[in-house]
C-alpha atoms as a PDB file:
ATOM      1  CA  MET A   1     -52.169  10.996 -16.828  1.00  0.00           C
ATOM      2  CA  LYS A   2     -49.874  11.036 -14.524  1.00  0.00           C
ATOM      3  CA  ARG A   3     -50.459  12.147 -11.094  1.00  0.00           C
ATOM      4  CA  ALA A   4     -48.120  15.538 -10.422  1.00  0.00           C
ATOM      5  CA  SER A   5     -45.642  14.722  -7.379  1.00  0.00           C
ATOM      6  CA  ILE A   6     -43.808  16.772  -5.112  1.00  0.00           C
ATOM      7  CA  LYS A   7     -40.847  15.892  -7.071  1.00  0.00           C
ATOM      8  CA  ASP A   8     -42.597  17.593  -9.456  1.00  0.00           C
ATOM      9  CA  ILE A   9     -42.579  20.991  -7.971  1.00  0.00           C
ATOM     10  CA  ALA A  10     -39.266  20.429  -6.230  1.00  0.00           C
ATOM     11  CA  ARG A  11     -38.059  20.063  -9.915  1.00  0.00           C
ATOM     12  CA  ILE A  12     -39.863  23.290 -11.149  1.00  0.00           C
ATOM     13  CA  ALA A  13     -39.493  25.333  -8.207  1.00  0.00           C
ATOM     14  CA  GLU A  14     -35.636  24.526  -8.108  1.00  0.00           C
ATOM     15  CA  VAL A  15     -35.622  23.448  -4.751  1.00  0.00           C
ATOM     16  CA  SER A  16     -35.038  20.598  -2.584  1.00  0.00           C
ATOM     17  CA  VAL A  17     -38.281  17.690  -2.343  1.00  0.00           C
ATOM     18  CA  ALA A  18     -37.873  18.581   1.762  1.00  0.00           C
ATOM     19  CA  THR A  19     -38.501  22.164   0.940  1.00  0.00           C
ATOM     20  CA  VAL A  20     -41.911  21.336  -0.659  1.00  0.00           C
ATOM     21  CA  SER A  21     -42.638  18.418   2.161  1.00  0.00           C
ATOM     22  CA  TYR A  22     -42.284  21.579   4.639  1.00  0.00           C
ATOM     23  CA  VAL A  23     -44.370  23.815   2.763  1.00  0.00           C
ATOM     24  CA  LEU A  24     -47.524  21.860   1.488  1.00  0.00           C
ATOM     25  CA  ASN A  25     -47.642  20.102   5.060  1.00  0.00           C
ATOM     26  CA  LYS A  26     -47.107  23.638   6.508  1.00  0.00           C
ATOM     27  CA  LYS A  27     -44.745  22.277   9.229  1.00  0.00           C
ATOM     28  CA  GLU A  28     -44.436  24.559  12.192  1.00  0.00           C
ATOM     29  CA  GLY A  29     -41.280  26.602  12.929  1.00  0.00           C
ATOM     30  CA  SER A  30     -39.825  25.425   8.901  1.00  0.00           C
ATOM     31  CA  ARG A  31     -37.659  28.401   8.228  1.00  0.00           C
ATOM     32  CA  ILE A  32     -38.345  28.840   4.581  1.00  0.00           C
ATOM     33  CA  SER A  33     -38.626  32.190   3.053  1.00  0.00           C
ATOM     34  CA  GLU A  34     -41.786  33.657   2.251  1.00  0.00           C
ATOM     35  CA  ALA A  35     -41.082  33.458  -1.140  1.00  0.00           C
ATOM     36  CA  THR A  36     -40.053  30.492  -1.723  1.00  0.00           C
ATOM     37  CA  LYS A  37     -42.859  29.163   0.015  1.00  0.00           C
ATOM     38  CA  LYS A  38     -45.171  31.212  -2.329  1.00  0.00           C
ATOM     39  CA  ARG A  39     -43.224  29.915  -5.345  1.00  0.00           C
ATOM     40  CA  ILE A  40     -44.076  26.613  -4.428  1.00  0.00           C
ATOM     41  CA  LEU A  41     -47.292  27.443  -3.932  1.00  0.00           C
ATOM     42  CA  GLU A  42     -47.698  28.577  -7.356  1.00  0.00           C
ATOM     43  CA  VAL A  43     -46.196  26.192  -8.818  1.00  0.00           C
ATOM     44  CA  ALA A  44     -48.494  23.470  -7.004  1.00  0.00           C
ATOM     45  CA  LYS A  45     -51.415  25.392  -8.241  1.00  0.00           C
ATOM     46  CA  SER A  46     -50.057  25.344 -11.825  1.00  0.00           C
ATOM     47  CA  ILE A  47     -49.762  21.693 -12.340  1.00  0.00           C
ATOM     48  CA  ASN A  48     -52.479  20.628 -10.616  1.00  0.00           C
ATOM     49  CA  TYR A  49     -50.921  19.247  -7.489  1.00  0.00           C
ATOM     50  CA  THR A  50     -53.725  17.301  -5.559  1.00  0.00           C
ATOM     51  CA  PRO A  51     -51.555  15.605  -2.053  1.00  0.00           C
ATOM     52  CA  ASN A  52     -51.710  11.601  -1.897  1.00  0.00           C
ATOM     53  CA  LYS A  53     -53.694  11.444   1.259  1.00  0.00           C
ATOM     54  CA  ILE A  54     -52.914   7.621   1.883  1.00  0.00           C
ATOM     55  CA  ALA A  55     -49.172   8.652   1.764  1.00  0.00           C
ATOM     56  CA  LYS A  56     -49.668  11.394   3.485  1.00  0.00           C
ATOM     57  CA  SER A  57     -51.224  10.020   6.728  1.00  0.00           C
ATOM     58  CA  LEU A  58     -48.381   7.326   6.793  1.00  0.00           C
ATOM     59  CA  LYS A  59     -45.526  10.150   6.610  1.00  0.00           C
ATOM     60  CA  MET A  60     -44.565  11.260  10.127  1.00  0.00           C
ATOM     61  CA  ASN A  61     -43.562  15.277  10.233  1.00  0.00           C
ATOM     62  CA  LYS A  62     -39.744  14.152  10.351  1.00  0.00           C
ATOM     63  CA  SER A  63     -38.147  11.399   8.464  1.00  0.00           C
ATOM     64  CA  LYS A  64     -35.835  11.162  11.238  1.00  0.00           C
ATOM     65  CA  LEU A  65     -33.182  10.461   8.614  1.00  0.00           C
ATOM     66  CA  ILE A  66     -29.698  12.494   8.819  1.00  0.00           C
ATOM     67  CA  GLY A  67     -27.348  12.537   5.765  1.00  0.00           C
ATOM     68  CA  LEU A  68     -23.598  12.123   6.248  1.00  0.00           C
ATOM     69  CA  ILE A  69     -21.285  13.519   3.136  1.00  0.00           C
ATOM     70  CA  VAL A  70     -17.390  12.969   3.697  1.00  0.00           C
ATOM     71  CA  ALA A  71     -14.562  12.940   1.392  1.00  0.00           C
ATOM     72  CA  ASP A  72     -13.099   9.243   1.432  1.00  0.00           C
ATOM     73  CA  ILE A  73     -15.000   6.617   3.507  1.00  0.00           C
ATOM     74  CA  SER A  74     -12.350   4.217   2.587  1.00  0.00           C
ATOM     75  CA  ASN A  75      -9.841   6.772   4.775  1.00  0.00           C
ATOM     76  CA  ASP A  76      -9.997   5.486   8.204  1.00  0.00           C
ATOM     77  CA  PHE A  77     -10.684   8.802   9.494  1.00  0.00           C
ATOM     78  CA  TYR A  78     -13.779   9.456   7.986  1.00  0.00           C
ATOM     79  CA  SER A  79     -14.797   5.406   8.260  1.00  0.00           C
ATOM     80  CA  ASN A  80     -13.762   6.244  11.928  1.00  0.00           C
ATOM     81  CA  ILE A  81     -15.836   9.506  12.902  1.00  0.00           C
ATOM     82  CA  ALA A  82     -19.371   8.287  10.599  1.00  0.00           C
ATOM     83  CA  ARG A  83     -19.285   4.974  12.957  1.00  0.00           C
ATOM     84  CA  SER A  84     -19.400   7.361  16.213  1.00  0.00           C
ATOM     85  CA  ILE A  85     -21.798   9.658  14.122  1.00  0.00           C
ATOM     86  CA  GLU A  86     -24.157   6.825  13.512  1.00  0.00           C
ATOM     87  CA  ASP A  87     -23.633   5.453  17.056  1.00  0.00           C
ATOM     88  CA  GLU A  88     -24.263   8.996  18.626  1.00  0.00           C
ATOM     89  CA  ALA A  89     -27.372   9.703  15.817  1.00  0.00           C
ATOM     90  CA  MET A  90     -29.210   5.949  16.761  1.00  0.00           C
ATOM     91  CA  LYS A  91     -29.333   7.253  20.439  1.00  0.00           C
ATOM     92  CA  LEU A  92     -32.036  10.080  19.013  1.00  0.00           C
ATOM     93  CA  GLY A  93     -33.494   8.034  16.973  1.00  0.00           C
ATOM     94  CA  TYR A  94     -31.828   8.684  13.428  1.00  0.00           C
ATOM     95  CA  THR A  95     -31.166   6.652  11.051  1.00  0.00           C
ATOM     96  CA  LEU A  96     -27.867   7.879   8.853  1.00  0.00           C
ATOM     97  CA  LEU A  97     -27.464   7.643   5.204  1.00  0.00           C
ATOM     98  CA  ILE A  98     -23.917   7.942   3.920  1.00  0.00           C
ATOM     99  CA  GLY A  99     -22.442   9.035   0.802  1.00  0.00           C
ATOM    100  CA  SER A 100     -18.558   9.586  -0.106  1.00  0.00           C
ATOM    101  CA  CYS A 101     -17.673  12.060  -2.992  1.00  0.00           C
ATOM    102  CA  ASP A 102     -14.000  11.186  -3.591  1.00  0.00           C
ATOM    103  CA  GLU A 103     -12.980  14.884  -3.429  1.00  0.00           C
ATOM    104  CA  ASN A 104     -15.325  15.359  -6.351  1.00  0.00           C
ATOM    105  CA  PRO A 105     -17.600  18.475  -6.169  1.00  0.00           C
ATOM    106  CA  GLU A 106     -19.887  16.763  -8.795  1.00  0.00           C
ATOM    107  CA  LYS A 107     -20.317  13.817  -6.562  1.00  0.00           C
ATOM    108  CA  PHE A 108     -20.657  16.315  -3.573  1.00  0.00           C
ATOM    109  CA  LYS A 109     -23.402  17.785  -5.299  1.00  0.00           C
ATOM    110  CA  LYS A 110     -25.496  14.782  -5.987  1.00  0.00           C
ATOM    111  CA  LEU A 111     -25.263  13.593  -2.919  1.00  0.00           C
ATOM    112  CA  THR A 112     -27.207  16.929  -1.506  1.00  0.00           C
ATOM    113  CA  GLU A 113     -29.619  16.344  -3.961  1.00  0.00           C
ATOM    114  CA  LEU A 114     -29.823  12.845  -3.281  1.00  0.00           C
ATOM    115  CA  PHE A 115     -30.059  12.958   0.405  1.00  0.00           C
ATOM    116  CA  SER A 116     -32.764  15.948   0.000  1.00  0.00           C
ATOM    117  CA  GLU A 117     -34.739  13.421  -2.379  1.00  0.00           C
ATOM    118  CA  GLN A 118     -34.733  10.907   0.601  1.00  0.00           C
ATOM    119  CA  GLN A 119     -36.384  13.471   2.832  1.00  0.00           C
ATOM    120  CA  VAL A 120     -33.577  13.494   5.320  1.00  0.00           C
ATOM    121  CA  ASP A 121     -33.978  16.272   8.220  1.00  0.00           C
ATOM    122  CA  GLY A 122     -30.524  17.434   7.913  1.00  0.00           C
ATOM    123  CA  MET A 123     -26.905  16.730   6.886  1.00  0.00           C
ATOM    124  CA  ILE A 124     -23.226  16.501   8.538  1.00  0.00           C
ATOM    125  CA  ILE A 125     -20.915  17.150   5.669  1.00  0.00           C
ATOM    126  CA  ALA A 126     -16.949  17.671   4.630  1.00  0.00           C
ATOM    127  CA  PRO A 127     -17.027  20.111   2.358  1.00  0.00           C
ATOM    128  CA  VAL A 128     -14.379  19.901  -0.790  1.00  0.00           C
ATOM    129  CA  VAL A 129     -12.906  22.534  -2.935  1.00  0.00           C
ATOM    130  CA  ASP A 130     -15.837  23.645  -5.175  1.00  0.00           C
ATOM    131  CA  SER A 131     -18.346  22.672  -3.147  1.00  0.00           C
ATOM    132  CA  ASP A 132     -19.959  26.273  -1.933  1.00  0.00           C
ATOM    133  CA  GLU A 133     -22.535  26.468  -4.629  1.00  0.00           C
ATOM    134  CA  ALA A 134     -24.759  23.105  -3.457  1.00  0.00           C
ATOM    135  CA  ILE A 135     -23.841  24.207   0.411  1.00  0.00           C
ATOM    136  CA  ILE A 136     -25.514  27.570  -0.770  1.00  0.00           C
ATOM    137  CA  LYS A 137     -28.391  26.128  -2.344  1.00  0.00           C
ATOM    138  CA  LEU A 138     -29.082  23.793   1.096  1.00  0.00           C
ATOM    139  CA  ILE A 139     -28.645  27.325   3.174  1.00  0.00           C
ATOM    140  CA  ASN A 140     -30.863  28.839   0.903  1.00  0.00           C
ATOM    141  CA  GLU A 141     -33.680  26.521   1.439  1.00  0.00           C
ATOM    142  CA  GLU A 142     -33.090  26.715   5.257  1.00  0.00           C
ATOM    143  CA  TYR A 143     -32.079  23.203   5.362  1.00  0.00           C
ATOM    144  CA  PRO A 144     -30.320  22.492   9.107  1.00  0.00           C
ATOM    145  CA  ILE A 145     -26.087  21.672   7.689  1.00  0.00           C
ATOM    146  CA  VAL A 146     -23.671  20.808  10.268  1.00  0.00           C
ATOM    147  CA  THR A 147     -19.342  20.705   8.740  1.00  0.00           C
ATOM    148  CA  ILE A 148     -17.494  18.117   9.727  1.00  0.00           C
ATOM    149  CA  ASP A 149     -13.260  18.404  10.162  1.00  0.00           C
ATOM    150  CA  ARG A 150     -13.786  21.030   7.851  1.00  0.00           C
ATOM    151  CA  TYR A 151     -15.131  24.443   7.508  1.00  0.00           C
ATOM    152  CA  LEU A 152     -16.034  27.229   4.751  1.00  0.00           C
ATOM    153  CA  LYS A 153     -14.107  29.820   4.701  1.00  0.00           C
ATOM    154  CA  ASN A 154     -16.519  32.488   3.523  1.00  0.00           C
ATOM    155  CA  VAL A 155     -19.834  31.076   4.991  1.00  0.00           C
ATOM    156  CA  SER A 156     -20.905  30.917   8.162  1.00  0.00           C
ATOM    157  CA  LEU A 157     -22.409  27.156   9.232  1.00  0.00           C
ATOM    158  CA  PRO A 158     -22.490  25.447  12.595  1.00  0.00           C
ATOM    159  CA  GLY A 159     -18.947  23.495  12.598  1.00  0.00           C
ATOM    160  CA  VAL A 160     -17.104  21.373  14.496  1.00  0.00           C
ATOM    161  CA  MET A 161     -12.917  20.742  13.512  1.00  0.00           C
ATOM    162  CA  ILE A 162      -9.818  20.368  15.786  1.00  0.00           C
ATOM    163  CA  ASN A 163      -6.965  23.590  16.168  1.00  0.00           C
ATOM    164  CA  ASN A 164      -5.466  22.592  13.059  1.00  0.00           C
ATOM    165  CA  PHE A 165      -2.858  25.683  13.127  1.00  0.00           C
ATOM    166  CA  GLU A 166      -1.935  25.198  16.501  1.00  0.00           C
ATOM    167  CA  ILE A 167      -1.313  21.932  16.426  1.00  0.00           C
ATOM    168  CA  SER A 168       0.777  22.134  13.657  1.00  0.00           C
ATOM    169  CA  GLU A 169       2.769  25.220  15.366  1.00  0.00           C
ATOM    170  CA  TYR A 170       3.249  22.362  18.327  1.00  0.00           C
ATOM    171  CA  ILE A 171       4.673  19.848  16.315  1.00  0.00           C
ATOM    172  CA  CYS A 172       7.311  22.513  14.412  1.00  0.00           C
ATOM    173  CA  ASP A 173       8.557  23.965  17.809  1.00  0.00           C
ATOM    174  CA  HIS A 174       8.500  19.849  19.029  1.00  0.00           C
ATOM    175  CA  LEU A 175      10.880  19.300  15.634  1.00  0.00           C
ATOM    176  CA  VAL A 176      13.120  22.357  15.545  1.00  0.00           C
ATOM    177  CA  LYS A 177      13.908  21.694  19.798  1.00  0.00           C
ATOM    178  CA  LYS A 178      15.549  18.426  18.440  1.00  0.00           C
ATOM    179  CA  ASN A 179      18.045  20.070  16.276  1.00  0.00           C
ATOM    180  CA  PHE A 180      17.248  18.321  12.876  1.00  0.00           C
ATOM    181  CA  ASP A 181      19.364  19.893  10.030  1.00  0.00           C
ATOM    182  CA  GLU A 182      16.235  20.187   7.884  1.00  0.00           C
ATOM    183  CA  ILE A 183      12.583  19.814   8.205  1.00  0.00           C
ATOM    184  CA  ILE A 184      10.533  18.665   5.640  1.00  0.00           C
ATOM    185  CA  TYR A 185       6.344  19.535   5.982  1.00  0.00           C
ATOM    186  CA  VAL A 186       4.515  17.186   3.109  1.00  0.00           C
ATOM    187  CA  GLY A 187       1.009  18.742   2.731  1.00  0.00           C
ATOM    188  CA  TYR A 188      -1.533  18.944   0.304  1.00  0.00           C
ATOM    189  CA  ASP A 189      -1.287  21.513  -2.953  1.00  0.00           C
ATOM    190  CA  THR A 190      -5.023  22.273  -2.605  1.00  0.00           C
ATOM    191  CA  GLU A 191      -7.407  25.271  -1.273  1.00  0.00           C
ATOM    192  CA  LEU A 192      -9.268  23.627   1.215  1.00  0.00           C
ATOM    193  CA  PRO A 193      -9.052  25.765   4.872  1.00  0.00           C
ATOM    194  CA  HIS A 194      -8.584  23.138   7.107  1.00  0.00           C
ATOM    195  CA  LEU A 195      -5.233  21.792   5.699  1.00  0.00           C
ATOM    196  CA  LEU A 196      -4.300  25.534   5.089  1.00  0.00           C
ATOM    197  CA  ASP A 197      -4.674  25.881   8.503  1.00  0.00           C
ATOM    198  CA  ARG A 198      -2.091  23.318   8.871  1.00  0.00           C
ATOM    199  CA  GLN A 199       0.290  24.207   6.707  1.00  0.00           C
ATOM    200  CA  HIS A 200       0.682  28.117   7.912  1.00  0.00           C
ATOM    201  CA  GLY A 201       0.684  27.103  11.254  1.00  0.00           C
ATOM    202  CA  PHE A 202       3.761  25.018  10.275  1.00  0.00           C
ATOM    203  CA  ASP A 203       5.145  27.951   8.258  1.00  0.00           C
ATOM    204  CA  LYS A 204       4.732  30.348  10.966  1.00  0.00           C
ATOM    205  CA  ARG A 205       6.650  28.763  13.237  1.00  0.00           C
ATOM    206  CA  ILE A 206       9.929  27.256  10.939  1.00  0.00           C
ATOM    207  CA  THR A 207      10.023  30.665   9.641  1.00  0.00           C
ATOM    208  CA  GLU A 208      10.930  31.638  13.690  1.00  0.00           C
ATOM    209  CA  SER A 209      13.654  29.072  13.625  1.00  0.00           C
ATOM    210  CA  ASP A 210      16.954  28.832  12.208  1.00  0.00           C
ATOM    211  CA  VAL A 211      16.398  25.545  10.516  1.00  0.00           C
ATOM    212  CA  LEU A 212      16.153  24.818   6.983  1.00  0.00           C
ATOM    213  CA  SER A 213      13.741  23.244   5.597  1.00  0.00           C
ATOM    214  CA  LYS A 214      11.239  21.861   2.411  1.00  0.00           C
ATOM    215  CA  LYS A 215       7.810  22.258   1.687  1.00  0.00           C
ATOM    216  CA  ILE A 216       6.331  19.435  -0.802  1.00  0.00           C
ATOM    217  CA  LEU A 217       3.161  19.698  -1.925  1.00  0.00           C
ATOM    218  CA  ILE A 218       1.369  16.900  -3.921  1.00  0.00           C
ATOM    219  CA  GLY A 219      -2.358  16.682  -5.107  1.00  0.00           C
ATOM    220  CA  ILE A 220      -5.216  15.016  -4.056  1.00  0.00           C
ATOM    221  CA  HIS A 221      -4.792  12.359  -6.901  1.00  0.00           C
ATOM    222  CA  ASN A 222      -1.966   9.891  -7.127  1.00  0.00           C
ATOM    223  CA  ILE A 223      -0.701  10.637  -3.946  1.00  0.00           C
ATOM    224  CA  THR A 224       1.246   7.375  -3.853  1.00  0.00           C
ATOM    225  CA  GLU A 225       2.980   7.975  -6.638  1.00  0.00           C
ATOM    226  CA  GLU A 226       3.919  11.970  -6.268  1.00  0.00           C
ATOM    227  CA  VAL A 227       4.735  11.140  -2.327  1.00  0.00           C
ATOM    228  CA  HIS A 228       7.267   8.784  -3.768  1.00  0.00           C
ATOM    229  CA  THR A 229       8.446  10.637  -6.819  1.00  0.00           C
ATOM    230  CA  LYS A 230       8.733  13.951  -4.090  1.00  0.00           C
ATOM    231  CA  LEU A 231      10.701  12.060  -1.492  1.00  0.00           C
ATOM    232  CA  LYS A 232      13.400  10.671  -3.863  1.00  0.00           C
ATOM    233  CA  GLU A 233      13.796  14.286  -5.130  1.00  0.00           C
ATOM    234  CA  ASN A 234      14.327  15.793  -1.437  1.00  0.00           C
ATOM    235  CA  LEU A 235      15.371  13.675   0.939  1.00  0.00           C
ATOM    236  CA  ASP A 236      19.275  13.990   1.737  1.00  0.00           C
ATOM    237  CA  LEU A 237      20.310  11.194   4.221  1.00  0.00           C
ATOM    238  CA  SER A 238      23.039  12.942   4.803  1.00  0.00           C
ATOM    239  CA  LYS A 239      21.566  15.420   7.200  1.00  0.00           C
ATOM    240  CA  LYS A 240      19.573  14.879  10.120  1.00  0.00           C
ATOM    241  CA  THR A 241      16.025  15.078   8.957  1.00  0.00           C
ATOM    242  CA  ALA A 242      12.119  15.068  10.112  1.00  0.00           C
ATOM    243  CA  ILE A 243       9.544  15.128   8.006  1.00  0.00           C
ATOM    244  CA  TYR A 244       6.026  15.576   8.852  1.00  0.00           C
ATOM    245  CA  PHE A 245       3.428  14.108   7.093  1.00  0.00           C
ATOM    246  CA  SER A 246       0.198  16.508   7.328  1.00  0.00           C
ATOM    247  CA  SER A 247      -2.560  13.932   6.619  1.00  0.00           C
ATOM    248  CA  ASN A 248      -2.761  10.162   7.110  1.00  0.00           C
ATOM    249  CA  LYS A 249      -3.048   9.135   3.665  1.00  0.00           C
ATOM    250  CA  LEU A 250       0.473  11.318   2.883  1.00  0.00           C
ATOM    251  CA  GLY A 251       1.602   9.821   6.317  1.00  0.00           C
ATOM    252  CA  ILE A 252       0.955   6.285   5.260  1.00  0.00           C
ATOM    253  CA  ALA A 253       2.193   7.018   1.171  1.00  0.00           C
ATOM    254  CA  GLY A 254       5.783   8.320   3.037  1.00  0.00           C
ATOM    255  CA  LEU A 255       6.211   4.976   4.856  1.00  0.00           C
ATOM    256  CA  ARG A 256       5.950   2.392   2.030  1.00  0.00           C
ATOM    257  CA  TYR A 257       8.513   4.989   0.484  1.00  0.00           C
ATOM    258  CA  LEU A 258      10.583   4.099   3.547  1.00  0.00           C
ATOM    259  CA  ILE A 259      10.213   0.220   3.865  1.00  0.00           C
ATOM    260  CA  ASP A 260      10.588  -0.045  -0.032  1.00  0.00           C
ATOM    261  CA  HIS A 261      14.151   2.157   0.180  1.00  0.00           C
ATOM    262  CA  ASN A 262      15.247   0.175   3.446  1.00  0.00           C
ATOM    263  CA  ILE A 263      15.370   3.544   5.079  1.00  0.00           C
ATOM    264  CA  GLN A 264      15.414   3.462   9.234  1.00  0.00           C
ATOM    265  CA  VAL A 265      13.148   5.551  11.151  1.00  0.00           C
ATOM    266  CA  PRO A 266      14.256   6.871  13.378  1.00  0.00           C
ATOM    267  CA  GLN A 267      18.104   6.450  12.533  1.00  0.00           C
ATOM    268  CA  GLN A 268      17.678   7.687   9.338  1.00  0.00           C
ATOM    269  CA  ILE A 269      14.665   9.462   9.085  1.00  0.00           C
ATOM    270  CA  SER A 270      12.440  11.378  12.306  1.00  0.00           C
ATOM    271  CA  LEU A 271       8.729  11.546  11.207  1.00  0.00           C
ATOM    272  CA  VAL A 272       5.718  12.424  12.562  1.00  0.00           C
ATOM    273  CA  ALA A 273       1.976  11.768  11.050  1.00  0.00           C
ATOM    274  CA  PHE A 274      -1.615  13.185  11.382  1.00  0.00           C
ATOM    275  CA  ASP A 275      -4.391  10.872  12.576  1.00  0.00           C
ATOM    276  CA  GLU A 276      -4.413   7.516  13.889  1.00  0.00           C
ATOM    277  CA  THR A 277      -4.503   4.782  11.570  1.00  0.00           C
ATOM    278  CA  GLU A 278      -4.124   0.951  11.511  1.00  0.00           C
ATOM    279  CA  ALA A 279      -1.496   0.844   9.097  1.00  0.00           C
ATOM    280  CA  TYR A 280       0.679   3.038  11.493  1.00  0.00           C
ATOM    281  CA  TYR A 281       1.046  -0.377  13.477  1.00  0.00           C
ATOM    282  CA  LEU A 282       2.539  -2.279  10.736  1.00  0.00           C
ATOM    283  CA  PHE A 283       5.455  -0.042  10.965  1.00  0.00           C
ATOM    284  CA  PRO A 284       8.462  -1.524  12.187  1.00  0.00           C
ATOM    285  CA  THR A 285       8.636   1.848  14.524  1.00  0.00           C
ATOM    286  CA  GLU A 286       5.736   3.319  16.273  1.00  0.00           C
ATOM    287  CA  VAL A 287       4.737   6.360  14.689  1.00  0.00           C
ATOM    288  CA  THR A 288       4.712   9.644  16.416  1.00  0.00           C
ATOM    289  CA  PHE A 289       0.885  11.115  15.116  1.00  0.00           C
ATOM    290  CA  VAL A 290      -1.081  13.633  15.825  1.00  0.00           C
ATOM    291  CA  GLN A 291      -4.491  12.231  17.940  1.00  0.00           C
ATOM    292  CA  GLN A 292      -8.044  13.940  16.835  1.00  0.00           C
ATOM    293  CA  PRO A 293     -10.955  13.337  19.267  1.00  0.00           C
ATOM    294  CA  LEU A 294     -13.210  11.543  17.220  1.00  0.00           C
ATOM    295  CA  VAL A 295     -15.791  10.626  19.460  1.00  0.00           C
ATOM    296  CA  ASP A 296     -16.298  14.257  20.685  1.00  0.00           C
ATOM    297  CA  MET A 297     -16.118  15.590  17.287  1.00  0.00           C
ATOM    298  CA  ALA A 298     -19.176  12.975  16.265  1.00  0.00           C
ATOM    299  CA  LYS A 299     -21.262  13.526  19.468  1.00  0.00           C
ATOM    300  CA  GLU A 300     -21.124  17.925  19.383  1.00  0.00           C
ATOM    301  CA  SER A 301     -21.681  17.448  15.301  1.00  0.00           C
ATOM    302  CA  VAL A 302     -25.069  15.165  16.238  1.00  0.00           C
ATOM    303  CA  LYS A 303     -25.808  17.769  18.830  1.00  0.00           C
ATOM    304  CA  LEU A 304     -25.471  20.959  16.687  1.00  0.00           C
ATOM    305  CA  LEU A 305     -27.443  18.967  13.946  1.00  0.00           C
ATOM    306  CA  ASP A 306     -30.126  17.318  16.219  1.00  0.00           C
ATOM    307  CA  ASP A 307     -30.494  21.129  17.755  1.00  0.00           C
ATOM    308  CA  GLN A 308     -31.582  22.589  14.291  1.00  0.00           C
ATOM    309  CA  ILE A 309     -33.772  20.190  13.505  1.00  0.00           C
ATOM    310  CA  THR A 310     -35.530  20.003  16.858  1.00  0.00           C
ATOM    311  CA  ASN A 311     -35.356  23.343  18.360  1.00  0.00           C
ATOM    312  CA  TYR A 312     -34.524  25.356  15.105  1.00  0.00           C
ATOM    313  CA  THR A 313     -31.252  26.787  16.663  1.00  0.00           C
ATOM    314  CA  ASN A 314     -28.766  27.766  14.341  1.00  0.00           C
ATOM    315  CA  ASN A 315     -26.392  30.523  15.405  1.00  0.00           C
ATOM    316  CA  GLY A 316     -23.702  29.453  12.843  1.00  0.00           C
ATOM    317  CA  LYS A 317     -21.731  27.997  16.436  1.00  0.00           C
ATOM    318  CA  ARG A 318     -17.785  26.451  15.060  1.00  0.00           C
ATOM    319  CA  VAL A 319     -16.805  24.456  18.249  1.00  0.00           C
ATOM    320  CA  THR A 320     -13.140  23.532  17.548  1.00  0.00           C
ATOM    321  CA  PHE A 321     -11.767  20.531  19.823  1.00  0.00           C
ATOM    322  CA  ASN A 322      -7.544  20.305  20.531  1.00  0.00           C
ATOM    323  CA  ALA A 323      -5.783  17.425  19.037  1.00  0.00           C
ATOM    324  CA  LYS A 324      -3.498  15.449  21.015  1.00  0.00           C
ATOM    325  CA  PHE A 325       0.302  15.186  19.985  1.00  0.00           C
ATOM    326  CA  MET A 326       1.096  11.255  20.624  1.00  0.00           C
ATOM    327  CA  GLU A 327       4.934  10.875  20.831  1.00  0.00           C
ATOM    328  CA  ARG A 328       6.290   7.897  19.810  1.00  0.00           C
ATOM    329  CA  SER A 329       9.484   6.869  19.052  1.00  0.00           C
ATOM    330  CA  SER A 330       9.740   7.889  15.223  1.00  0.00           C
ATOM    331  CA  VAL A 331      11.567  10.856  16.622  1.00  0.00           C
ATOM    332  CA  ILE A 332      14.876  11.495  17.953  1.00  0.00           C
END
């Protein structure tokens, strides 16, 4: 007969393996509720669980593993910040497990479950649309979590982000001062709060100006195809026009369209794009872009997570860094 395991207890009690481990090993300072502890102990008793003393003797109090869930590891922003987080985590003795959920809430949920089974000490996450349920489950299990780049509107979690609203205000003001006939905002059709902050910052400033504007909103799938179609429909080269691409993926797709159609930057079109990426340096004109302080964001996210893991400190602190506007030659 198969020996009952802590995975069996976790499955029946509907909690993470890490939570079961905390309770059965009576770890000091864990923030698991009394009701959850009681349920776990009752399940353990009902299935005649007996600990494997050899495995237990080999197991440290903490795994020294942390999980990182990003939206798309192939994106320069996330791959660069993942490297910085790994460097900072290693300084504190942690090994980093990385998962890419591809903006898919089901894949996001599976990654949280996988990391939980690996008994990571905590997770740094970039929430995706409809990931609230999986995150709230982790919160209810009192799991150490830190958000990075993104945040949840209705849930208080420690997190790290940039001043998305304010930097978009600044970009809009900068473009308005250049006396363009028209300014086009290219963003996402999304519910993600940090991207809406960028859009709303632009909206606020453009409505206070006399400049004509257009807003192009793209889905998260088939980005290149959609950007090309929308630019073909909306660009009027007879006007002095500027485009603000609110992410690096949108910016790269836009640059490809301009190259494919021999549209000169900045002679025919001026543009600003978000984030620094190697792709911008392949473009004939130096691209004006928004630079995020990736190393500072990584350091702070690891610090906030380690505070929860080591000191059991979770005050919902949300740290906002200022992005930098890097003016180059793509705007005249």
